[in-house]
C-alpha atoms as a PDB file:
ATOM      1  CA  MET A   1     -24.442 -22.371   1.844  1.00  0.00           C
ATOM      2  CA  ALA A   2     -27.077 -21.130  -0.611  1.00  0.00           C
ATOM      3  CA  ARG A   3     -25.885 -17.561  -0.047  1.00  0.00           C
ATOM      4  CA  LEU A   4     -22.299 -18.578  -0.931  1.00  0.00           C
ATOM      5  CA  MET A   5     -23.504 -20.232  -4.130  1.00  0.00           C
ATOM      6  CA  ILE A   6     -25.466 -17.125  -5.152  1.00  0.00           C
ATOM      7  CA  VAL A   7     -22.445 -14.870  -4.538  1.00  0.00           C
ATOM      8  CA  SER A   8     -20.189 -17.260  -6.484  1.00  0.00           C
ATOM      9  CA  LEU A   9     -22.640 -17.331  -9.387  1.00  0.00           C
ATOM     10  CA  ALA A  10     -22.861 -13.532  -9.441  1.00  0.00           C
ATOM     11  CA  LEU A  11     -19.064 -13.224  -9.476  1.00  0.00           C
ATOM     12  CA  ALA A  12     -18.726 -15.792 -12.244  1.00  0.00           C
ATOM     13  CA  LEU A  13     -21.324 -14.097 -14.433  1.00  0.00           C
ATOM     14  CA  GLY A  14     -19.819 -10.670 -13.794  1.00  0.00           C
ATOM     15  CA  ALA A  15     -16.431 -11.878 -15.012  1.00  0.00           C
ATOM     16  CA  CYS A  16     -17.857 -12.938 -18.356  1.00  0.00           C
ATOM     17  CA  GLY A  17     -18.135  -9.378 -19.655  1.00  0.00           C
ATOM     18  CA  SER A  18     -20.640  -8.022 -22.093  1.00  0.00           C
ATOM     19  CA  ALA A  19     -20.851  -8.528 -25.826  1.00  0.00           C
ATOM     20  CA  THR A  20     -19.463  -5.799 -28.053  1.00  0.00           C
ATOM     21  CA  THR A  21     -21.845  -3.610 -29.974  1.00  0.00           C
ATOM     22  CA  PRO A  22     -21.749  -3.333 -33.780  1.00  0.00           C
ATOM     23  CA  ALA A  23     -20.166   0.129 -33.422  1.00  0.00           C
ATOM     24  CA  GLU A  24     -17.417  -1.275 -31.174  1.00  0.00           C
ATOM     25  CA  ASN A  25     -16.812  -4.118 -33.639  1.00  0.00           C
ATOM     26  CA  ALA A  26     -16.418  -1.609 -36.493  1.00  0.00           C
ATOM     27  CA  ALA A  27     -13.945   0.457 -34.450  1.00  0.00           C
ATOM     28  CA  LEU A  28     -11.889  -2.637 -33.592  1.00  0.00           C
ATOM     29  CA  ALA A  29     -11.854  -3.727 -37.237  1.00  0.00           C
ATOM     30  CA  ALA A  30     -10.605  -0.266 -38.270  1.00  0.00           C
ATOM     31  CA  GLU A  31      -7.803  -0.482 -35.678  1.00  0.00           C
ATOM     32  CA  ASN A  32      -6.760  -3.870 -37.026  1.00  0.00           C
ATOM     33  CA  ARG A  33      -6.736  -2.613 -40.622  1.00  0.00           C
ATOM     34  CA  ALA A  34      -4.637   0.414 -39.627  1.00  0.00           C
ATOM     35  CA  GLY A  35      -1.900  -1.937 -38.492  1.00  0.00           C
ATOM     36  CA  LEU A  36      -1.774  -3.482 -41.977  1.00  0.00           C
ATOM     37  CA  ASP A  37      -1.014  -0.311 -43.963  1.00  0.00           C
ATOM     38  CA  GLY A  38       2.111  -0.577 -46.125  1.00  0.00           C
ATOM     39  CA  ASP A  39       3.829  -3.294 -48.072  1.00  0.00           C
ATOM     40  CA  VAL A  40       3.912  -6.872 -46.913  1.00  0.00           C
ATOM     41  CA  VAL A  41       7.503  -8.098 -46.765  1.00  0.00           C
ATOM     42  CA  GLU A  42       8.171 -11.774 -47.418  1.00  0.00           C
ATOM     43  CA  LEU A  43      11.007 -13.246 -45.352  1.00  0.00           C
ATOM     44  CA  PRO A  44      13.327 -15.856 -46.858  1.00  0.00           C
ATOM     45  CA  ALA A  45      12.476 -19.423 -45.907  1.00  0.00           C
ATOM     46  CA  GLY A  46      13.366 -20.164 -42.312  1.00  0.00           C
ATOM     47  CA  GLU A  47      13.858 -16.536 -41.239  1.00  0.00           C
ATOM     48  CA  GLY A  48      11.565 -15.114 -38.634  1.00  0.00           C
ATOM     49  CA  GLU A  49      10.646 -18.573 -37.387  1.00  0.00           C
ATOM     50  CA  ALA A  50      11.195 -19.510 -33.768  1.00  0.00           C
ATOM     51  CA  ASP A  51      14.259 -21.603 -33.043  1.00  0.00           C
ATOM     52  CA  ASP A  52      13.933 -23.692 -29.897  1.00  0.00           C
ATOM     53  CA  ASP A  53      16.793 -26.094 -30.513  1.00  0.00           C
ATOM     54  CA  GLY A  54      18.937 -24.837 -27.729  1.00  0.00           C
ATOM     55  CA  PRO A  55      19.884 -22.038 -25.431  1.00  0.00           C
ATOM     56  CA  ALA A  56      19.358 -18.519 -26.728  1.00  0.00           C
ATOM     57  CA  GLU A  57      22.948 -17.333 -26.520  1.00  0.00           C
ATOM     58  CA  VAL A  58      24.253 -14.410 -28.497  1.00  0.00           C
ATOM     59  CA  PRO A  59      26.117 -15.820 -31.510  1.00  0.00           C
ATOM     60  CA  ALA A  60      29.820 -16.117 -30.844  1.00  0.00           C
ATOM     61  CA  GLY A  61      32.524 -14.457 -32.857  1.00  0.00           C
ATOM     62  CA  ASN A  62      34.678 -16.280 -35.374  1.00  0.00           C
ATOM     63  CA  ALA A  63      37.390 -17.001 -32.783  1.00  0.00           C
ATOM     64  CA  ALA A  64      34.976 -18.849 -30.467  1.00  0.00           C
ATOM     65  CA  ILE A  65      33.545 -20.802 -33.394  1.00  0.00           C
ATOM     66  CA  ALA A  66      37.044 -21.758 -34.576  1.00  0.00           C
ATOM     67  CA  VAL A  67      37.914 -23.075 -31.104  1.00  0.00           C
ATOM     68  CA  ALA A  68      34.673 -25.068 -30.853  1.00  0.00           C
ATOM     69  CA  ASP A  69      35.131 -26.422 -34.391  1.00  0.00           C
ATOM     70  CA  GLY A  70      38.435 -27.879 -33.186  1.00  0.00           C
ATOM     71  CA  TRP A  71      36.519 -29.936 -30.637  1.00  0.00           C
ATOM     72  CA  VAL A  72      34.424 -31.804 -33.223  1.00  0.00           C
ATOM     73  CA  GLY A  73      34.799 -35.568 -32.839  1.00  0.00           C
ATOM     74  CA  ARG A  74      34.686 -38.242 -30.148  1.00  0.00           C
ATOM     75  CA  TRP A  75      35.771 -37.675 -26.554  1.00  0.00           C
ATOM     76  CA  THR A  76      35.820 -40.406 -23.893  1.00  0.00           C
ATOM     77  CA  GLY A  77      35.412 -40.345 -20.162  1.00  0.00           C
ATOM     78  CA  PRO A  78      35.747 -42.992 -17.472  1.00  0.00           C
ATOM     79  CA  GLU A  79      33.516 -46.060 -17.197  1.00  0.00           C
ATOM     80  CA  GLY A  80      31.928 -45.814 -20.649  1.00  0.00           C
ATOM     81  CA  LEU A  81      31.073 -42.124 -20.528  1.00  0.00           C
ATOM     82  CA  ALA A  82      31.432 -40.455 -23.914  1.00  0.00           C
ATOM     83  CA  LEU A  83      30.820 -37.237 -25.812  1.00  0.00           C
ATOM     84  CA  ASP A  84      30.417 -36.873 -29.576  1.00  0.00           C
ATOM     85  CA  ILE A  85      30.454 -33.364 -31.033  1.00  0.00           C
ATOM     86  CA  ALA A  86      29.250 -32.747 -34.598  1.00  0.00           C
ATOM     87  CA  ALA A  87      29.165 -29.334 -36.273  1.00  0.00           C
ATOM     88  CA  ASP A  88      25.819 -28.211 -37.665  1.00  0.00           C
ATOM     89  CA  GLU A  89      26.867 -27.369 -41.230  1.00  0.00           C
ATOM     90  CA  ALA A  90      23.728 -25.296 -41.849  1.00  0.00           C
ATOM     91  CA  ARG A  91      24.279 -23.103 -38.781  1.00  0.00           C
ATOM     92  CA  PRO A  92      27.898 -22.141 -38.020  1.00  0.00           C
ATOM     93  CA  GLY A  93      28.560 -22.013 -34.302  1.00  0.00           C
ATOM     94  CA  ARG A  94      25.932 -24.669 -33.530  1.00  0.00           C
ATOM     95  CA  TYR A  95      26.825 -28.226 -32.527  1.00  0.00           C
ATOM     96  CA  ASP A  96      24.992 -31.508 -32.045  1.00  0.00           C
ATOM     97  CA  LEU A  97      26.170 -33.125 -28.810  1.00  0.00           C
ATOM     98  CA  THR A  98      25.547 -36.792 -28.065  1.00  0.00           C
ATOM     99  CA  MET A  99      26.476 -37.601 -24.489  1.00  0.00           C
ATOM    100  CA  GLN A 100      26.568 -40.518 -22.104  1.00  0.00           C
ATOM    101  CA  TYR A 101      27.175 -38.249 -19.108  1.00  0.00           C
ATOM    102  CA  THR A 102      26.415 -40.588 -16.209  1.00  0.00           C
ATOM    103  CA  LEU A 103      26.086 -44.336 -16.045  1.00  0.00           C
ATOM    104  CA  ASP A 104      22.306 -43.876 -16.378  1.00  0.00           C
ATOM    105  CA  ASP A 105      21.919 -40.636 -18.352  1.00  0.00           C
ATOM    106  CA  ARG A 106      22.309 -40.271 -22.092  1.00  0.00           C
ATOM    107  CA  GLY A 107      21.052 -37.524 -24.358  1.00  0.00           C
ATOM    108  CA  GLU A 108      21.361 -35.468 -27.501  1.00  0.00           C
ATOM    109  CA  PHE A 109      21.647 -31.708 -27.119  1.00  0.00           C
ATOM    110  CA  THR A 110      22.185 -28.661 -29.296  1.00  0.00           C
ATOM    111  CA  GLY A 111      25.128 -26.524 -28.272  1.00  0.00           C
ATOM    112  CA  THR A 112      26.171 -23.007 -29.219  1.00  0.00           C
ATOM    113  CA  ALA A 113      29.727 -21.658 -29.412  1.00  0.00           C
ATOM    114  CA  THR A 114      30.371 -18.921 -26.851  1.00  0.00           C
ATOM    115  CA  PRO A 115      33.590 -17.257 -25.703  1.00  0.00           C
ATOM    116  CA  GLU A 116      33.473 -19.602 -22.668  1.00  0.00           C
ATOM    117  CA  GLY A 117      33.029 -22.822 -24.687  1.00  0.00           C
ATOM    118  CA  ILE A 118      30.003 -24.700 -26.041  1.00  0.00           C
ATOM    119  CA  ALA A 119      26.848 -23.844 -24.090  1.00  0.00           C
ATOM    120  CA  PHE A 120      23.968 -26.324 -23.975  1.00  0.00           C
ATOM    121  CA  THR A 121      21.077 -27.292 -21.738  1.00  0.00           C
ATOM    122  CA  ARG A 122      20.160 -30.731 -20.480  1.00  0.00           C
ATOM    123  CA  ARG A 123      17.827 -32.009 -17.738  1.00  0.00           C
ATOM    124  CA  ASP A 124      20.212 -30.928 -14.971  1.00  0.00           C
ATOM    125  CA  GLY A 125      20.260 -27.350 -16.268  1.00  0.00           C
ATOM    126  CA  PRO A 126      22.436 -25.096 -18.414  1.00  0.00           C
ATOM    127  CA  GLN A 127      26.012 -26.323 -18.936  1.00  0.00           C
ATOM    128  CA  VAL A 128      29.169 -25.203 -20.751  1.00  0.00           C
ATOM    129  CA  LEU A 129      31.849 -27.465 -22.238  1.00  0.00           C
ATOM    130  CA  ARG A 130      35.241 -25.874 -21.560  1.00  0.00           C
ATOM    131  CA  ALA A 131      38.788 -26.765 -22.562  1.00  0.00           C
ATOM    132  CA  SER A 132      40.720 -28.470 -19.776  1.00  0.00           C
ATOM    133  CA  ASP A 133      43.326 -31.063 -19.041  1.00  0.00           C
ATOM    134  CA  GLY A 134      42.720 -34.358 -17.272  1.00  0.00           C
ATOM    135  CA  ASP A 135      43.702 -32.973 -13.880  1.00  0.00           C
ATOM    136  CA  GLY A 136      41.195 -30.121 -14.316  1.00  0.00           C
ATOM    137  CA  THR A 137      38.291 -32.547 -14.719  1.00  0.00           C
ATOM    138  CA  GLY A 138      38.645 -33.775 -11.151  1.00  0.00           C
ATOM    139  CA  LEU A 139      38.633 -37.394 -12.344  1.00  0.00           C
ATOM    140  CA  LYS A 140      41.574 -39.579 -11.362  1.00  0.00           C
ATOM    141  CA  TRP A 141      41.019 -41.741 -14.462  1.00  0.00           C
ATOM    142  CA  LEU A 142      41.796 -38.753 -16.697  1.00  0.00           C
ATOM    143  CA  ALA A 143      44.723 -37.404 -14.660  1.00  0.00           C
ATOM    144  CA  GLY A 144      47.783 -36.631 -16.757  1.00  0.00           C
ATOM    145  CA  LYS A 145      45.880 -36.292 -20.048  1.00  0.00           C
ATOM    146  CA  GLN A 146      46.316 -33.022 -21.908  1.00  0.00           C
ATOM    147  CA  ASP A 147      43.473 -32.679 -24.458  1.00  0.00           C
ATOM    148  CA  CYS A 148      40.209 -32.675 -22.496  1.00  0.00           C
ATOM    149  CA  LEU A 149      36.847 -30.974 -22.140  1.00  0.00           C
ATOM    150  CA  ARG A 150      35.212 -30.336 -18.786  1.00  0.00           C
ATOM    151  CA  VAL A 151      31.531 -29.767 -18.054  1.00  0.00           C
ATOM    152  CA  ARG A 152      31.878 -29.448 -14.279  1.00  0.00           C
ATOM    153  CA  ASP A 153      34.000 -30.914 -11.520  1.00  0.00           C
ATOM    154  CA  GLY A 154      33.746 -34.683 -11.835  1.00  0.00           C
ATOM    155  CA  GLU A 155      32.559 -34.657 -15.446  1.00  0.00           C
ATOM    156  CA  GLY A 156      35.089 -34.572 -18.237  1.00  0.00           C
ATOM    157  CA  TYR A 157      36.073 -36.201 -21.503  1.00  0.00           C
ATOM    158  CA  CYS A 158      39.484 -36.533 -23.183  1.00  0.00           C
ATOM    159  CA  ARG A 159      40.815 -37.532 -26.564  1.00  0.00           C
ATOM    160  CA  ASP A 160      42.994 -40.611 -26.481  1.00  0.00           C
END
């Protein structure tokens, strides 16, 4: 047991590494300064900052955005399920989605217009809202309706 502790201590101390010498510190400082040669460019406010509001899709073209803009508003599903889509005026092609998507699950998500529809991510993974009709949703309560959006089989919303 004592032998195991000594070996463990030796391994732990060996992993710590040695301190750098003053000459090594000077060389590292020179390398860091070399990376700063040239003009400093100021980015406009908000540019260059990380954006973690939603999936990192490639921005859609104007046609995809125009289609998704036509979906803005309230959509209803069976048994109190609902979807509200609001355009993000500051970022064309981005949408705020408020969903009651099961009897127990509700959430707010950021969606992005894509050629396939509006892509977004929620707890059950990445999803895409697509144009459909009531029959295409797989829900008998929406059968026969014409203006609908489908997330997956068994989940859809229509305009009344």
